[in-house]
């Protein structure tokens, strides 16, 4: 089985001709199957001297989706998803931001659209550009502000309970490829410099259960569609692994190895912390 067929098998989707609806199905399946997580990031970081890469080649990414239940952060998710879209016949390319993020633009017959399976937000359907729009569920999401000039900088906002928590600039006029992100990817894998190198993180959308679940270090947060949240403290790696199996449905994620990497970097995920 080639990597495209194996990728689609993981998403439980058939190969379809490019269209808005087919693209929406791909986005939704990706966000509800593959977690936004840095467990695999730490796993790959620990093997960098042997592999020479921080972001897995597409065949390795797909193999490990099946073998290890891995997803990734934005650079892994969106670079891999863009390759899938291109292989399926979409006109898709990468787009950059003022911050350390990577998104995807797709040119459809109906116009330019933004998709993102690596931002921890419920972008279940493509967002039209330059019209923009919101993707919000369980009280959290993103908003792209509209503009009358699609070749200008666009504002990309992170939302929590209708409040803007972060705002980035997005540069839709610049078609980028993976090599353009090499410096940012290296920076994001520098110990002590970034959130994803000093924290354990795993988030998954479960709309069929009316919720989003998020693990940050040893705190599990369950957000419901009405925006309410329930927090639970976990007290051991064994408890975390059990939660990944029972709540996330991802029993093979290499969390023990990820925690060991953080320990070696001087990070105690069970120390008191106030991040959500």
Protein backbone atom coordinates (compact mmCIF):
# COMPACT_ATOMS: atom_id res chain seq x y z
CA UNK A 1 0.00 0.00 0.00
CA UNK A 2 1.41 3.42 -0.93
CA UNK A 3 1.52 6.26 1.56
CA UNK A 4 -1.49 8.08 0.07
CA UNK A 5 -3.75 5.03 0.43
CA UNK A 6 -2.39 4.38 3.93
CA UNK A 7 -2.96 8.02 4.93
CA UNK A 8 -6.58 7.87 3.73
CA UNK A 9 -7.05 4.54 5.50
CA UNK A 10 -6.02 6.19 8.77
CA UNK A 11 -8.59 8.94 8.13
CA UNK A 12 -11.26 6.35 7.22
CA UNK A 13 -11.92 8.12 3.93
CA UNK A 14 -11.92 7.06 0.27
CA UNK A 15 -10.00 8.90 -2.42
CA UNK A 16 -12.26 11.56 -3.94
CA UNK A 17 -11.93 14.09 -6.73
CA UNK A 18 -10.97 17.53 -5.40
CA UNK A 19 -13.91 19.65 -4.26
CA UNK A 20 -14.88 21.90 -1.36
CA UNK A 21 -16.97 19.17 0.29
CA UNK A 22 -14.28 16.51 -0.13
CA UNK A 23 -11.70 18.89 1.33
CA UNK A 24 -13.98 19.58 4.30
CA UNK A 25 -14.28 15.85 4.92
CA UNK A 26 -10.50 15.52 4.88
CA UNK A 27 -10.07 18.42 7.32
CA UNK A 28 -12.67 17.11 9.77
CA UNK A 29 -11.31 13.56 9.65
CA UNK A 30 -7.77 14.77 10.28
CA UNK A 31 -8.73 16.89 13.28
CA UNK A 32 -10.78 14.13 14.90
CA UNK A 33 -8.32 11.30 14.20
CA UNK A 34 -4.85 12.77 14.70
CA UNK A 35 -4.05 14.67 17.87
CA UNK A 36 -2.37 18.05 18.00
CA UNK A 37 0.50 16.92 20.22
CA UNK A 38 4.21 17.27 20.92
CA UNK A 39 4.71 13.75 22.25
CA UNK A 40 5.88 12.66 18.81
CA UNK A 41 7.89 15.90 18.47
CA UNK A 42 9.90 14.97 21.57
CA UNK A 43 10.15 11.38 20.33
CA UNK A 44 11.63 12.55 17.01
CA UNK A 45 13.85 15.11 18.78
CA UNK A 46 15.48 12.30 20.78
CA UNK A 47 16.34 10.52 17.51
CA UNK A 48 17.64 13.51 15.58
CA UNK A 49 21.28 12.40 15.68
CA UNK A 50 20.29 9.12 14.03
CA UNK A 51 17.75 10.46 11.52
CA UNK A 52 18.96 13.97 10.71
CA UNK A 53 15.41 15.39 10.73
CA UNK A 54 12.95 16.90 13.19
CA UNK A 55 9.94 16.56 10.87
CA UNK A 56 9.44 13.03 9.54
CA UNK A 57 9.36 12.31 5.81
CA UNK A 58 5.83 11.67 4.62
CA UNK A 59 6.18 7.88 4.49
CA UNK A 60 7.49 7.81 8.07
CA UNK A 61 4.72 10.15 9.24
CA UNK A 62 2.05 7.91 7.74
CA UNK A 63 3.64 4.71 9.04
CA UNK A 64 3.82 6.15 12.56
CA UNK A 65 0.20 7.35 12.45
CA UNK A 66 -0.68 3.67 12.33
CA UNK A 67 2.16 2.25 14.44
CA UNK A 68 2.39 4.90 17.18
CA UNK A 69 -0.90 6.88 16.95
CA UNK A 70 1.15 10.03 16.38
CA UNK A 71 -0.03 13.37 15.06
CA UNK A 72 2.21 16.36 15.65
CA UNK A 73 2.35 20.13 15.92
CA UNK A 74 1.78 22.54 13.04
CA UNK A 75 4.93 21.85 11.03
CA UNK A 76 4.41 18.08 10.98
CA UNK A 77 0.64 18.12 10.53
CA UNK A 78 0.33 20.81 7.90
CA UNK A 79 3.38 19.88 5.83
CA UNK A 80 2.12 16.29 5.69
CA UNK A 81 -1.49 17.27 4.96
CA UNK A 82 -0.36 19.61 2.17
CA UNK A 83 1.50 16.71 0.56
CA UNK A 84 -1.62 14.55 0.80
CA UNK A 85 -3.76 17.27 -0.77
CA UNK A 86 -1.29 17.72 -3.62
CA UNK A 87 -1.19 13.97 -4.22
CA UNK A 88 -5.00 13.96 -4.40
CA UNK A 89 -4.98 16.64 -7.08
CA UNK A 90 -5.52 19.82 -5.06
CA UNK A 91 -3.65 23.03 -5.85
CA UNK A 92 -2.32 23.46 -2.31
CA UNK A 93 0.70 25.24 -0.86
CA UNK A 94 2.09 26.39 2.47
CA UNK A 95 1.58 29.84 3.97
CA UNK A 96 3.62 31.62 6.61
CA UNK A 97 2.89 33.77 9.65
CA UNK A 98 4.55 36.38 11.82
CA UNK A 99 4.86 33.72 14.51
CA UNK A 100 6.14 30.14 14.38
CA UNK A 101 3.24 28.64 12.47
CA UNK A 102 2.57 27.02 9.12
CA UNK A 103 -0.82 26.89 7.40
CA UNK A 104 -2.16 25.72 4.04
CA UNK A 105 -3.84 27.59 1.19
CA UNK A 106 -5.93 25.70 -1.37
CA UNK A 107 -7.14 27.10 -4.67
CA UNK A 108 -10.59 25.69 -5.45
CA UNK A 109 -12.89 26.55 -8.37
CA UNK A 110 -14.86 28.68 -5.91
CA UNK A 111 -11.77 30.63 -4.86
CA UNK A 112 -8.88 30.60 -2.41
CA UNK A 113 -9.39 28.84 0.94
CA UNK A 114 -7.42 28.39 4.16
CA UNK A 115 -7.13 25.01 5.89
CA UNK A 116 -5.23 24.12 9.05
CA UNK A 117 -4.98 20.76 10.81
CA UNK A 118 -2.12 21.84 13.08
CA UNK A 119 -3.30 24.78 15.16
CA UNK A 120 -5.33 23.03 17.86
CA UNK A 121 -8.47 24.77 16.57
CA UNK A 122 -11.66 23.31 15.03
CA UNK A 123 -11.01 24.26 11.40
CA UNK A 124 -13.33 21.50 10.23
CA UNK A 125 -14.12 23.28 6.95
CA UNK A 126 -12.00 25.43 4.62
CA UNK A 127 -12.25 29.17 5.30
CA UNK A 128 -12.62 31.41 2.22
CA UNK A 129 -10.11 34.16 1.54
CA UNK A 130 -10.12 37.11 1.54
CA UNK A 131 -13.55 36.92 3.20
CA UNK A 132 -12.13 35.12 6.24
CA UNK A 133 -14.34 33.70 8.95
CA UNK A 134 -14.38 31.85 12.26
CA UNK A 135 -13.89 28.25 13.30
CA UNK A 136 -15.05 27.90 16.91
CA UNK A 137 -16.18 24.96 19.03
CA UNK A 138 -16.24 24.27 22.77
CA UNK A 139 -15.51 27.94 23.42
CA UNK A 140 -12.21 28.01 21.55
CA UNK A 141 -11.06 28.51 17.99
CA UNK A 142 -9.63 30.92 15.44
CA UNK A 143 -10.79 33.88 13.35
CA UNK A 144 -9.38 35.26 10.11
CA UNK A 145 -10.40 38.88 9.67
CA UNK A 146 -11.69 39.83 6.21
CA UNK A 147 -9.83 42.09 3.82
CA UNK A 148 -10.66 43.59 0.45
CA UNK A 149 -7.14 42.97 -0.83
CA UNK A 150 -6.17 39.28 -0.81
CA UNK A 151 -2.51 40.07 -1.53
CA UNK A 152 -2.10 41.97 1.73
CA UNK A 153 -1.31 40.85 5.26
CA UNK A 154 -4.27 39.18 6.99
CA UNK A 155 -4.96 39.08 10.72
CA UNK A 156 -5.28 35.64 12.30
CA UNK A 157 -6.76 35.57 15.82
CA UNK A 158 -6.94 32.88 18.48
CA UNK A 159 -10.19 32.93 20.47
CA UNK A 160 -11.25 31.72 23.91
CA UNK A 161 -14.80 32.47 25.05
CA UNK A 162 -15.13 35.17 22.35
CA UNK A 163 -11.99 36.93 23.58
CA UNK A 164 -8.88 37.33 21.43
CA UNK A 165 -5.96 35.64 23.20
CA UNK A 166 -3.37 35.91 20.41
CA UNK A 167 -3.15 37.69 17.08
CA UNK A 168 -0.76 36.80 14.26
CA UNK A 169 -0.11 38.17 10.80
CA UNK A 170 -0.65 35.80 7.87
CA UNK A 171 0.95 36.36 4.46
CA UNK A 172 -1.33 34.75 1.85
CA UNK A 173 0.41 36.36 -1.13
CA UNK A 174 3.61 34.36 -0.54
CA UNK A 175 3.59 30.78 -1.81
CA UNK A 176 6.00 28.84 0.39
CA UNK A 177 7.38 25.33 0.40
CA UNK A 178 8.72 23.21 3.23
CA UNK A 179 12.32 24.42 2.85
CA UNK A 180 11.21 27.98 3.62
CA UNK A 181 10.41 26.91 7.19
CA UNK A 182 13.79 25.26 7.93
CA UNK A 183 15.03 28.02 10.24
CA UNK A 184 11.79 28.19 12.21
CA UNK A 185 11.68 24.40 12.57
CA UNK A 186 15.23 24.36 13.93
CA UNK A 187 14.35 27.16 16.38
CA UNK A 188 11.29 25.23 17.52
CA UNK A 189 13.48 22.27 18.40
CA UNK A 190 15.91 24.22 20.57
CA UNK A 191 15.59 23.07 24.22
CA UNK A 192 14.40 25.75 26.61
CA UNK A 193 13.34 28.22 23.92
CA UNK A 194 9.80 27.18 23.03
CA UNK A 195 6.61 25.97 24.70
CA UNK A 196 6.67 22.62 22.91
CA UNK A 197 10.18 21.85 24.16
CA UNK A 198 9.33 22.33 27.85
CA UNK A 199 5.76 21.03 28.08
CA UNK A 200 3.81 17.85 27.40
CA UNK A 201 0.85 18.62 25.13
CA UNK A 202 -1.92 16.59 23.50
CA UNK A 203 -5.28 17.86 22.19
CA UNK A 204 -8.04 16.16 20.18
CA UNK A 205 -11.45 17.21 18.88
CA UNK A 206 -14.28 14.78 19.59
CA UNK A 207 -17.44 16.39 18.13
CA UNK A 208 -19.26 13.06 18.22
CA UNK A 209 -18.91 13.26 22.02
CA UNK A 210 -19.59 17.00 22.17
CA UNK A 211 -16.18 17.92 23.48
CA UNK A 212 -12.52 18.75 23.06
CA UNK A 213 -9.92 17.15 25.32
CA UNK A 214 -6.56 18.68 26.10
CA UNK A 215 -3.60 17.48 28.12
CA UNK A 216 -1.01 20.03 29.25
CA UNK A 217 1.65 18.39 31.41
CA UNK A 218 -0.40 16.52 34.03
CA UNK A 219 -3.64 18.51 33.66
CA UNK A 220 -6.44 17.08 31.55
CA UNK A 221 -9.04 19.65 30.46
CA UNK A 222 -12.34 18.60 28.92
CA UNK A 223 -14.21 21.41 27.15
CA UNK A 224 -17.86 20.90 26.21
CA UNK A 225 -19.80 22.49 23.37
CA UNK A 226 -21.38 25.00 25.76
CA UNK A 227 -17.89 26.24 26.66
CA UNK A 228 -17.75 24.79 30.15
CA UNK A 229 -14.54 23.06 31.17
CA UNK A 230 -13.62 20.31 33.61
CA UNK A 231 -10.06 19.84 34.85
CA UNK A 232 -8.46 16.71 36.25
CA UNK A 233 -4.98 16.36 37.72
CA UNK A 234 -3.01 13.25 36.83
CA UNK A 235 -0.33 11.99 39.17
CA UNK A 236 1.84 9.57 37.21
CA UNK A 237 2.95 8.68 33.71
CA UNK A 238 0.86 5.55 34.08
CA UNK A 239 -2.27 7.68 34.63
CA UNK A 240 -1.39 9.83 31.61
CA UNK A 241 -0.96 6.75 29.45
CA UNK A 242 -4.32 5.42 30.66
CA UNK A 243 -6.00 8.72 29.75
CA UNK A 244 -4.41 8.67 26.30
CA UNK A 245 -5.85 5.19 25.84
CA UNK A 246 -9.30 5.64 27.38
CA UNK A 247 -10.15 9.27 26.59
CA UNK A 248 -8.10 10.06 23.49
CA UNK A 249 -8.20 6.58 21.97
CA UNK A 250 -4.44 6.81 21.30
CA UNK A 251 -2.89 3.98 23.33
CA UNK A 252 0.34 3.74 21.31
CA UNK A 253 1.56 7.32 21.70
CA UNK A 254 5.15 7.08 23.06
CA UNK A 255 4.45 9.19 26.13
CA UNK A 256 7.00 7.47 28.38
CA UNK A 257 9.77 8.41 25.96
CA UNK A 258 8.49 11.97 25.65
CA UNK A 259 8.43 12.41 29.42
CA UNK A 260 11.96 10.97 29.61
CA UNK A 261 13.14 13.58 27.08
CA UNK A 262 11.60 16.37 29.15
CA UNK A 263 13.16 14.95 32.32
CA UNK A 264 16.56 14.97 30.62
CA UNK A 265 15.96 18.63 29.75
CA UNK A 266 15.21 19.40 33.40
CA UNK A 267 11.42 19.64 32.98
CA UNK A 268 9.17 18.07 35.62
CA UNK A 269 5.67 17.80 34.14
CA UNK A 270 4.22 17.09 37.59
CA UNK A 271 5.52 20.32 39.10
CA UNK A 272 2.84 22.95 39.88
CA UNK A 273 1.91 24.84 36.71
CA UNK A 274 -0.84 27.19 35.64
CA UNK A 275 -0.94 26.76 31.89
CA UNK A 276 -4.13 25.53 30.22
